[in-house]
Amino acid sequence: MLRLRNFPAIGVLLLFSLLPACSGKLAKQTGLTAPDLFTRGQQKFAAKNYGDAIEAFQLLLERFPNSPLAAKAQLGLADARMNNKDDVEAEVAFDDFLRLYPADDNVPYAFYRKGELLARQAPDPGRDQTKTLEAVNAFTQVLEKSPKGPYSPIAAVKIAELRNRLAEHEKRVVSHYLGRKHYAGAEARARRALSEYPETTAARSLLSFLAEALEKQGKKAEAAETRKNLAEKFPAPGEKKP
């Protein structure tokens, strides 16, 4: 779930403002220490009993906000929320961890998990791609915070996949503009998409759409140059790149 490290303490008032009260049976038990609650949270998480894991981590944070285990409990809470498919609460929990512990060794892991959380919420390319963009940003933070870390190779793959999704979205928008005969808008959108996503699988279609938009506007020289660029970058089957 996460690596065990030494973690800084946090203020009582801040945590009480961030966390809802724990009202389960565990909260009624007395004499539980921070290590007791953390161990219980880990055990319940390992058993995939995420509801009980959430309760244990949350209670630890409420009762022992200055414990050295607080950071691990906060990240454990986020992980458990995510695995329990509490997407909104999980995102809040990851954001809390990243805000409260910006220098923690588990920051790259938290960004990676947040990226996964956002990516699984990314809709079909035909719809708004805000979550996709947010996922790309989270995975990019993994590469920036820990370029040689264990999560960086996977994050790089995820970024490439998500950028293809974003380029596919742009392709659909440009196609829509062409269908509505908004050729200037199609040209502008295609140019921007090609500038932002030149390496994606949608680049070939975007170039073709750009050429079409130029032709429809009577920009024959630019259209011809775009067609030439298209043939050079994406030769027909059996042909070789110049």
C-alpha atoms as a PDB file:
ATOM      1  CA  MET A   1       0.000   0.000   0.000  1.00  0.00           C
ATOM      2  CA  LEU A   2       2.738   2.473   1.006  1.00  0.00           C
ATOM      3  CA  ARG A   3       6.272   2.549   2.311  1.00  0.00           C
ATOM      4  CA  LEU A   4       6.781   3.040   6.043  1.00  0.00           C
ATOM      5  CA  ARG A   5       8.793   6.148   6.815  1.00  0.00           C
ATOM      6  CA  ASN A   6       9.187   8.715   9.545  1.00  0.00           C
ATOM      7  CA  PHE A   7       6.471  11.329   9.221  1.00  0.00           C
ATOM      8  CA  PRO A   8       6.051  14.893  10.592  1.00  0.00           C
ATOM      9  CA  ALA A   9       3.286  15.782  13.045  1.00  0.00           C
ATOM     10  CA  ILE A  10       0.369  18.045  12.158  1.00  0.00           C
ATOM     11  CA  GLY A  11      -1.839  20.454  14.074  1.00  0.00           C
ATOM     12  CA  VAL A  12      -4.902  19.336  16.007  1.00  0.00           C
ATOM     13  CA  LEU A  13      -7.246  22.035  14.788  1.00  0.00           C
ATOM     14  CA  LEU A  14      -6.407  21.508  11.109  1.00  0.00           C
ATOM     15  CA  LEU A  15      -7.117  17.816  11.167  1.00  0.00           C
ATOM     16  CA  PHE A  16     -10.361  18.252  13.051  1.00  0.00           C
ATOM     17  CA  SER A  17     -11.489  20.691  10.393  1.00  0.00           C
ATOM     18  CA  LEU A  18     -10.622  18.233   7.616  1.00  0.00           C
ATOM     19  CA  LEU A  19     -12.041  15.000   8.974  1.00  0.00           C
ATOM     20  CA  PRO A  20     -15.622  14.026   9.739  1.00  0.00           C
ATOM     21  CA  ALA A  21     -16.210  12.401  13.119  1.00  0.00           C
ATOM     22  CA  CYS A  22     -15.819   8.646  13.306  1.00  0.00           C
ATOM     23  CA  SER A  23     -19.054   7.147  14.603  1.00  0.00           C
ATOM     24  CA  GLY A  24     -18.531   3.391  14.205  1.00  0.00           C
ATOM     25  CA  LYS A  25     -18.113   0.737  16.896  1.00  0.00           C
ATOM     26  CA  LEU A  26     -14.351   1.244  16.939  1.00  0.00           C
ATOM     27  CA  ALA A  27     -14.808   4.810  18.174  1.00  0.00           C
ATOM     28  CA  LYS A  28     -16.521   3.501  21.300  1.00  0.00           C
ATOM     29  CA  GLN A  29     -13.489   1.451  22.310  1.00  0.00           C
ATOM     30  CA  THR A  30     -11.130   2.980  24.864  1.00  0.00           C
ATOM     31  CA  GLY A  31      -7.418   2.428  25.381  1.00  0.00           C
ATOM     32  CA  LEU A  32      -6.566   2.117  21.695  1.00  0.00           C
ATOM     33  CA  THR A  33      -3.198   3.615  20.820  1.00  0.00           C
ATOM     34  CA  ALA A  34      -2.104   5.117  17.512  1.00  0.00           C
ATOM     35  CA  PRO A  35      -0.086   1.971  16.661  1.00  0.00           C
ATOM     36  CA  ASP A  36      -3.135  -0.168  17.523  1.00  0.00           C
ATOM     37  CA  LEU A  37      -5.325   1.800  15.134  1.00  0.00           C
ATOM     38  CA  PHE A  38      -2.719   1.897  12.393  1.00  0.00           C
ATOM     39  CA  THR A  39      -2.120  -1.848  12.589  1.00  0.00           C
ATOM     40  CA  ARG A  40      -5.864  -2.444  12.484  1.00  0.00           C
ATOM     41  CA  GLY A  41      -6.157  -0.185   9.449  1.00  0.00           C
ATOM     42  CA  GLN A  42      -3.393  -2.060   7.644  1.00  0.00           C
ATOM     43  CA  GLN A  43      -4.883  -5.437   8.481  1.00  0.00           C
ATOM     44  CA  LYS A  44      -8.367  -4.441   7.332  1.00  0.00           C
ATOM     45  CA  PHE A  45      -6.916  -2.949   4.157  1.00  0.00           C
ATOM     46  CA  ALA A  46      -4.981  -6.170   3.430  1.00  0.00           C
ATOM     47  CA  ALA A  47      -8.208  -8.116   3.940  1.00  0.00           C
ATOM     48  CA  LYS A  48      -9.953  -5.746   1.493  1.00  0.00           C
ATOM     49  CA  ASN A  49     -12.300  -4.644   4.255  1.00  0.00           C
ATOM     50  CA  TYR A  50     -11.943  -1.042   3.210  1.00  0.00           C
ATOM     51  CA  GLY A  51     -14.805   0.339   5.276  1.00  0.00           C
ATOM     52  CA  ASP A  52     -13.177  -0.836   8.512  1.00  0.00           C
ATOM     53  CA  ALA A  53      -9.775   0.346   7.300  1.00  0.00           C
ATOM     54  CA  ILE A  54     -11.219   3.800   6.685  1.00  0.00           C
ATOM     55  CA  GLU A  55     -12.699   3.828  10.178  1.00  0.00           C
ATOM     56  CA  ALA A  56      -9.376   2.881  11.796  1.00  0.00           C
ATOM     57  CA  PHE A  57      -7.242   5.389   9.884  1.00  0.00           C
ATOM     58  CA  GLN A  58      -9.786   8.140  10.398  1.00  0.00           C
ATOM     59  CA  LEU A  59     -10.043   7.477  14.121  1.00  0.00           C
ATOM     60  CA  LEU A  60      -6.260   7.561  14.439  1.00  0.00           C
ATOM     61  CA  LEU A  61      -6.186  10.975  12.763  1.00  0.00           C
ATOM     62  CA  GLU A  62      -8.948  12.282  15.027  1.00  0.00           C
ATOM     63  CA  ARG A  63      -7.475  11.000  18.288  1.00  0.00           C
ATOM     64  CA  PHE A  64      -3.760  11.273  17.559  1.00  0.00           C
ATOM     65  CA  PRO A  65      -3.247  14.083  15.020  1.00  0.00           C
ATOM     66  CA  ASN A  66       0.305  14.684  16.271  1.00  0.00           C
ATOM     67  CA  SER A  67       1.339  11.049  16.081  1.00  0.00           C
ATOM     68  CA  PRO A  68       4.323  10.105  13.917  1.00  0.00           C
ATOM     69  CA  LEU A  69       1.885   7.710  12.256  1.00  0.00           C
ATOM     70  CA  ALA A  70      -0.460  10.515  11.156  1.00  0.00           C
ATOM     71  CA  ALA A  71       1.027  10.881   7.675  1.00  0.00           C
ATOM     72  CA  LYS A  72       0.864   7.156   7.018  1.00  0.00           C
ATOM     73  CA  ALA A  73      -2.692   7.079   8.310  1.00  0.00           C
ATOM     74  CA  GLN A  74      -3.681   9.955   6.033  1.00  0.00           C
ATOM     75  CA  LEU A  75      -2.272   8.156   3.004  1.00  0.00           C
ATOM     76  CA  GLY A  76      -3.795   4.880   4.180  1.00  0.00           C
ATOM     77  CA  LEU A  77      -7.149   6.637   4.410  1.00  0.00           C
ATOM     78  CA  ALA A  78      -6.784   7.901   0.836  1.00  0.00           C
ATOM     79  CA  ASP A  79      -5.833   4.439  -0.434  1.00  0.00           C
ATOM     80  CA  ALA A  80      -8.745   2.818   1.370  1.00  0.00           C
ATOM     81  CA  ARG A  81     -11.178   5.443   0.096  1.00  0.00           C
ATOM     82  CA  MET A  82      -9.947   4.864  -3.441  1.00  0.00           C
ATOM     83  CA  ASN A  83     -10.206   1.090  -3.232  1.00  0.00           C
ATOM     84  CA  ASN A  84     -13.665   1.485  -1.733  1.00  0.00           C
ATOM     85  CA  LYS A  85     -14.584   3.508  -4.847  1.00  0.00           C
ATOM     86  CA  ASP A  86     -15.308   6.619  -2.793  1.00  0.00           C
ATOM     87  CA  ASP A  87     -13.818   8.727  -5.580  1.00  0.00           C
ATOM     88  CA  VAL A  88     -14.654  12.191  -4.280  1.00  0.00           C
ATOM     89  CA  GLU A  89     -13.538  11.421  -0.715  1.00  0.00           C
ATOM     90  CA  ALA A  90     -10.400   9.685  -1.976  1.00  0.00           C
ATOM     91  CA  GLU A  91      -9.362  12.703  -4.036  1.00  0.00           C
ATOM     92  CA  VAL A  92      -9.869  14.952  -1.013  1.00  0.00           C
ATOM     93  CA  ALA A  93      -7.793  12.582   1.131  1.00  0.00           C
ATOM     94  CA  PHE A  94      -4.920  12.506  -1.380  1.00  0.00           C
ATOM     95  CA  ASP A  95      -5.025  16.291  -1.659  1.00  0.00           C
ATOM     96  CA  ASP A  96      -4.941  16.576   2.134  1.00  0.00           C
ATOM     97  CA  PHE A  97      -1.873  14.351   2.274  1.00  0.00           C
ATOM     98  CA  LEU A  98      -0.085  16.286  -0.473  1.00  0.00           C
ATOM     99  CA  ARG A  99      -0.871  19.607   1.180  1.00  0.00           C
ATOM    100  CA  LEU A 100       0.041  18.558   4.705  1.00  0.00           C
ATOM    101  CA  TYR A 101       3.162  16.547   3.865  1.00  0.00           C
ATOM    102  CA  PRO A 102       4.737  18.102   0.730  1.00  0.00           C
ATOM    103  CA  ALA A 103       8.225  16.842   1.636  1.00  0.00           C
ATOM    104  CA  ASP A 104       7.195  13.299   2.518  1.00  0.00           C
ATOM    105  CA  ASP A 105       8.927  10.399   0.775  1.00  0.00           C
ATOM    106  CA  ASN A 106       5.551   9.023  -0.275  1.00  0.00           C
ATOM    107  CA  VAL A 107       4.574  12.114  -2.282  1.00  0.00           C
ATOM    108  CA  PRO A 108       5.411  10.453  -5.651  1.00  0.00           C
ATOM    109  CA  TYR A 109       3.277   7.457  -4.652  1.00  0.00           C
ATOM    110  CA  ALA A 110       0.399   9.734  -3.641  1.00  0.00           C
ATOM    111  CA  PHE A 111       0.546  11.570  -6.962  1.00  0.00           C
ATOM    112  CA  TYR A 112       0.624   8.240  -8.800  1.00  0.00           C
ATOM    113  CA  ARG A 113      -2.423   6.955  -6.956  1.00  0.00           C
ATOM    114  CA  LYS A 114      -4.234  10.241  -7.473  1.00  0.00           C
ATOM    115  CA  GLY A 115      -3.431   9.976 -11.186  1.00  0.00           C
ATOM    116  CA  GLU A 116      -4.928   6.487 -11.284  1.00  0.00           C
ATOM    117  CA  LEU A 117      -8.003   7.727  -9.440  1.00  0.00           C
ATOM    118  CA  LEU A 118      -8.545  10.577 -11.896  1.00  0.00           C
ATOM    119  CA  ALA A 119      -7.762   8.443 -14.942  1.00  0.00           C
ATOM    120  CA  ARG A 120     -10.410   5.886 -14.083  1.00  0.00           C
ATOM    121  CA  GLN A 121     -12.942   8.725 -13.996  1.00  0.00           C
ATOM    122  CA  ALA A 122     -11.900  10.026 -17.425  1.00  0.00           C
ATOM    123  CA  PRO A 123     -14.883   9.838 -19.770  1.00  0.00           C
ATOM    124  CA  ASP A 124     -15.210   8.873 -23.415  1.00  0.00           C
ATOM    125  CA  PRO A 125     -13.123  11.163 -25.693  1.00  0.00           C
ATOM    126  CA  GLY A 126     -16.336  12.698 -26.978  1.00  0.00           C
ATOM    127  CA  ARG A 127     -17.045  14.277 -23.604  1.00  0.00           C
ATOM    128  CA  ASP A 128     -15.373  16.893 -21.392  1.00  0.00           C
ATOM    129  CA  GLN A 129     -11.795  15.882 -20.610  1.00  0.00           C
ATOM    130  CA  THR A 130     -11.153  17.807 -17.401  1.00  0.00           C
ATOM    131  CA  LYS A 131     -10.443  14.630 -15.424  1.00  0.00           C
ATOM    132  CA  THR A 132      -8.073  13.428 -18.127  1.00  0.00           C
ATOM    133  CA  LEU A 133      -6.094  16.663 -17.938  1.00  0.00           C
ATOM    134  CA  GLU A 134      -5.982  16.448 -14.145  1.00  0.00           C
ATOM    135  CA  ALA A 135      -4.723  12.860 -14.371  1.00  0.00           C
ATOM    136  CA  VAL A 136      -1.964  13.902 -16.768  1.00  0.00           C
ATOM    137  CA  ASN A 137      -0.948  16.626 -14.330  1.00  0.00           C
ATOM    138  CA  ALA A 138      -0.832  14.154 -11.437  1.00  0.00           C
ATOM    139  CA  PHE A 139       1.280  11.635 -13.365  1.00  0.00           C
ATOM    140  CA  THR A 140       3.560  14.447 -14.527  1.00  0.00           C
ATOM    141  CA  GLN A 141       4.185  15.307 -10.884  1.00  0.00           C
ATOM    142  CA  VAL A 142       5.376  11.735 -10.358  1.00  0.00           C
ATOM    143  CA  LEU A 143       8.039  12.213 -13.037  1.00  0.00           C
ATOM    144  CA  GLU A 144       9.054  15.589 -11.648  1.00  0.00           C
ATOM    145  CA  LYS A 145       9.200  14.520  -8.009  1.00  0.00           C
ATOM    146  CA  SER A 146      10.923  11.194  -8.585  1.00  0.00           C
ATOM    147  CA  PRO A 147      12.208  10.781 -12.180  1.00  0.00           C
ATOM    148  CA  LYS A 148      14.027   7.549 -11.350  1.00  0.00           C
ATOM    149  CA  GLY A 149      11.503   6.245  -8.846  1.00  0.00           C
ATOM    150  CA  PRO A 150       9.521   3.002  -9.109  1.00  0.00           C
ATOM    151  CA  TYR A 151       6.318   4.715 -10.250  1.00  0.00           C
ATOM    152  CA  SER A 152       7.852   6.886 -12.966  1.00  0.00           C
ATOM    153  CA  PRO A 153       7.950   4.299 -15.799  1.00  0.00           C
ATOM    154  CA  ILE A 154       4.280   3.437 -15.278  1.00  0.00           C
ATOM    155  CA  ALA A 155       3.381   7.116 -14.965  1.00  0.00           C
ATOM    156  CA  ALA A 156       5.080   7.822 -18.302  1.00  0.00           C
ATOM    157  CA  VAL A 157       3.022   5.092 -19.990  1.00  0.00           C
ATOM    158  CA  LYS A 158      -0.158   6.457 -18.423  1.00  0.00           C
ATOM    159  CA  ILE A 159       0.640   9.963 -19.654  1.00  0.00           C
ATOM    160  CA  ALA A 160       1.073   8.695 -23.208  1.00  0.00           C
ATOM    161  CA  GLU A 161      -2.267   6.859 -23.052  1.00  0.00           C
ATOM    162  CA  LEU A 162      -4.065   9.893 -21.666  1.00  0.00           C
ATOM    163  CA  ARG A 163      -2.516  12.227 -24.222  1.00  0.00           C
ATOM    164  CA  ASN A 164      -3.870   9.947 -26.939  1.00  0.00           C
ATOM    165  CA  ARG A 165      -7.294  10.315 -25.345  1.00  0.00           C
ATOM    166  CA  LEU A 166      -6.966  14.100 -25.308  1.00  0.00           C
ATOM    167  CA  ALA A 167      -5.859  14.143 -28.953  1.00  0.00           C
ATOM    168  CA  GLU A 168      -8.788  11.905 -29.882  1.00  0.00           C
ATOM    169  CA  HIS A 169     -11.089  14.401 -28.194  1.00  0.00           C
ATOM    170  CA  GLU A 170      -9.581  17.199 -30.273  1.00  0.00           C
ATOM    171  CA  LYS A 171      -9.998  15.114 -33.415  1.00  0.00           C
ATOM    172  CA  ARG A 172     -13.699  14.724 -32.712  1.00  0.00           C
ATOM    173  CA  VAL A 173     -14.088  18.447 -32.105  1.00  0.00           C
ATOM    174  CA  VAL A 174     -12.343  19.294 -35.378  1.00  0.00           C
ATOM    175  CA  SER A 175     -14.497  16.765 -37.226  1.00  0.00           C
ATOM    176  CA  HIS A 176     -17.577  18.392 -35.716  1.00  0.00           C
ATOM    177  CA  TYR A 177     -16.437  21.810 -36.896  1.00  0.00           C
ATOM    178  CA  LEU A 178     -15.897  20.477 -40.403  1.00  0.00           C
ATOM    179  CA  GLY A 179     -19.327  18.895 -40.411  1.00  0.00           C
ATOM    180  CA  ARG A 180     -20.852  22.238 -39.431  1.00  0.00           C
ATOM    181  CA  LYS A 181     -18.749  24.023 -42.094  1.00  0.00           C
ATOM    182  CA  HIS A 182     -16.904  26.056 -39.486  1.00  0.00           C
ATOM    183  CA  TYR A 183     -13.694  25.803 -41.436  1.00  0.00           C
ATOM    184  CA  ALA A 184     -11.750  28.589 -39.713  1.00  0.00           C
ATOM    185  CA  GLY A 185     -12.537  27.072 -36.331  1.00  0.00           C
ATOM    186  CA  ALA A 186     -11.554  23.626 -37.588  1.00  0.00           C
ATOM    187  CA  GLU A 187      -8.241  24.986 -38.840  1.00  0.00           C
ATOM    188  CA  ALA A 188      -7.446  26.742 -35.564  1.00  0.00           C
ATOM    189  CA  ARG A 189      -8.388  23.733 -33.452  1.00  0.00           C
ATOM    190  CA  ALA A 190      -6.442  21.293 -35.634  1.00  0.00           C
ATOM    191  CA  ARG A 191      -3.326  23.467 -35.554  1.00  0.00           C
ATOM    192  CA  ARG A 192      -3.484  23.761 -31.791  1.00  0.00           C
ATOM    193  CA  ALA A 193      -4.034  20.017 -31.332  1.00  0.00           C
ATOM    194  CA  LEU A 194      -1.111  19.166 -33.623  1.00  0.00           C
ATOM    195  CA  SER A 195       1.081  21.550 -31.658  1.00  0.00           C
ATOM    196  CA  GLU A 196       0.075  20.042 -28.317  1.00  0.00           C
ATOM    197  CA  TYR A 197      -0.163  16.358 -29.317  1.00  0.00           C
ATOM    198  CA  PRO A 198       2.174  15.786 -32.277  1.00  0.00           C
ATOM    199  CA  GLU A 199       3.185  12.272 -31.199  1.00  0.00           C
ATOM    200  CA  THR A 200      -0.281  10.837 -30.678  1.00  0.00           C
ATOM    201  CA  THR A 201      -2.234   8.344 -32.753  1.00  0.00           C
ATOM    202  CA  ALA A 202      -4.704  11.071 -33.740  1.00  0.00           C
ATOM    203  CA  ALA A 203      -2.025  13.195 -35.429  1.00  0.00           C
ATOM    204  CA  ARG A 204      -2.609  11.610 -38.840  1.00  0.00           C
ATOM    205  CA  SER A 205      -6.339  12.389 -38.819  1.00  0.00           C
ATOM    206  CA  LEU A 206      -5.694  15.881 -37.474  1.00  0.00           C
ATOM    207  CA  LEU A 207      -3.322  16.625 -40.350  1.00  0.00           C
ATOM    208  CA  SER A 208      -5.876  15.364 -42.836  1.00  0.00           C
ATOM    209  CA  PHE A 209      -8.600  17.484 -41.238  1.00  0.00           C
ATOM    210  CA  LEU A 210      -6.315  20.512 -41.291  1.00  0.00           C
ATOM    211  CA  ALA A 211      -5.700  20.055 -44.999  1.00  0.00           C
ATOM    212  CA  GLU A 212      -9.429  19.756 -45.605  1.00  0.00           C
ATOM    213  CA  ALA A 213     -10.169  22.892 -43.599  1.00  0.00           C
ATOM    214  CA  LEU A 214      -7.542  24.807 -45.571  1.00  0.00           C
ATOM    215  CA  GLU A 215      -8.901  23.577 -48.888  1.00  0.00           C
ATOM    216  CA  LYS A 216     -12.442  24.598 -47.956  1.00  0.00           C
ATOM    217  CA  GLN A 217     -11.183  28.108 -47.243  1.00  0.00           C
ATOM    218  CA  GLY A 218      -9.372  28.345 -50.578  1.00  0.00           C
ATOM    219  CA  LYS A 219      -5.920  28.201 -48.994  1.00  0.00           C
ATOM    220  CA  LYS A 220      -4.615  25.884 -51.690  1.00  0.00           C
ATOM    221  CA  ALA A 221      -0.879  26.373 -51.115  1.00  0.00           C
ATOM    222  CA  GLU A 222      -1.123  25.733 -47.388  1.00  0.00           C
ATOM    223  CA  ALA A 223      -3.391  22.763 -48.001  1.00  0.00           C
ATOM    224  CA  ALA A 224      -0.920  21.269 -50.473  1.00  0.00           C
ATOM    225  CA  GLU A 225       1.944  21.725 -48.033  1.00  0.00           C
ATOM    226  CA  THR A 226      -0.103  20.042 -45.310  1.00  0.00           C
ATOM    227  CA  ARG A 227      -0.924  17.127 -47.621  1.00  0.00           C
ATOM    228  CA  LYS A 228       2.779  16.787 -48.390  1.00  0.00           C
ATOM    229  CA  ASN A 229       3.603  16.802 -44.683  1.00  0.00           C
ATOM    230  CA  LEU A 230       0.921  14.174 -44.108  1.00  0.00           C
ATOM    231  CA  ALA A 231       2.361  11.881 -46.806  1.00  0.00           C
ATOM    232  CA  GLU A 232       5.874  12.272 -45.410  1.00  0.00           C
ATOM    233  CA  LYS A 233       4.949  11.557 -41.821  1.00  0.00           C
ATOM    234  CA  PHE A 234       2.362   8.884 -42.518  1.00  0.00           C
ATOM    235  CA  PRO A 235       3.141   7.151 -45.813  1.00  0.00           C
ATOM    236  CA  ALA A 236       0.604   4.786 -47.333  1.00  0.00           C
ATOM    237  CA  PRO A 237       1.051   1.045 -46.655  1.00  0.00           C
ATOM    238  CA  GLY A 238       4.008  -0.299 -48.636  1.00  0.00           C
ATOM    239  CA  GLU A 239       5.626   3.103 -48.964  1.00  0.00           C
ATOM    240  CA  LYS A 240       8.647   4.302 -47.024  1.00  0.00           C
ATOM    241  CA  LYS A 241       9.111   7.633 -45.338  1.00  0.00           C
ATOM    242  CA  PRO A 242      11.258   9.986 -47.456  1.00  0.00           C
END
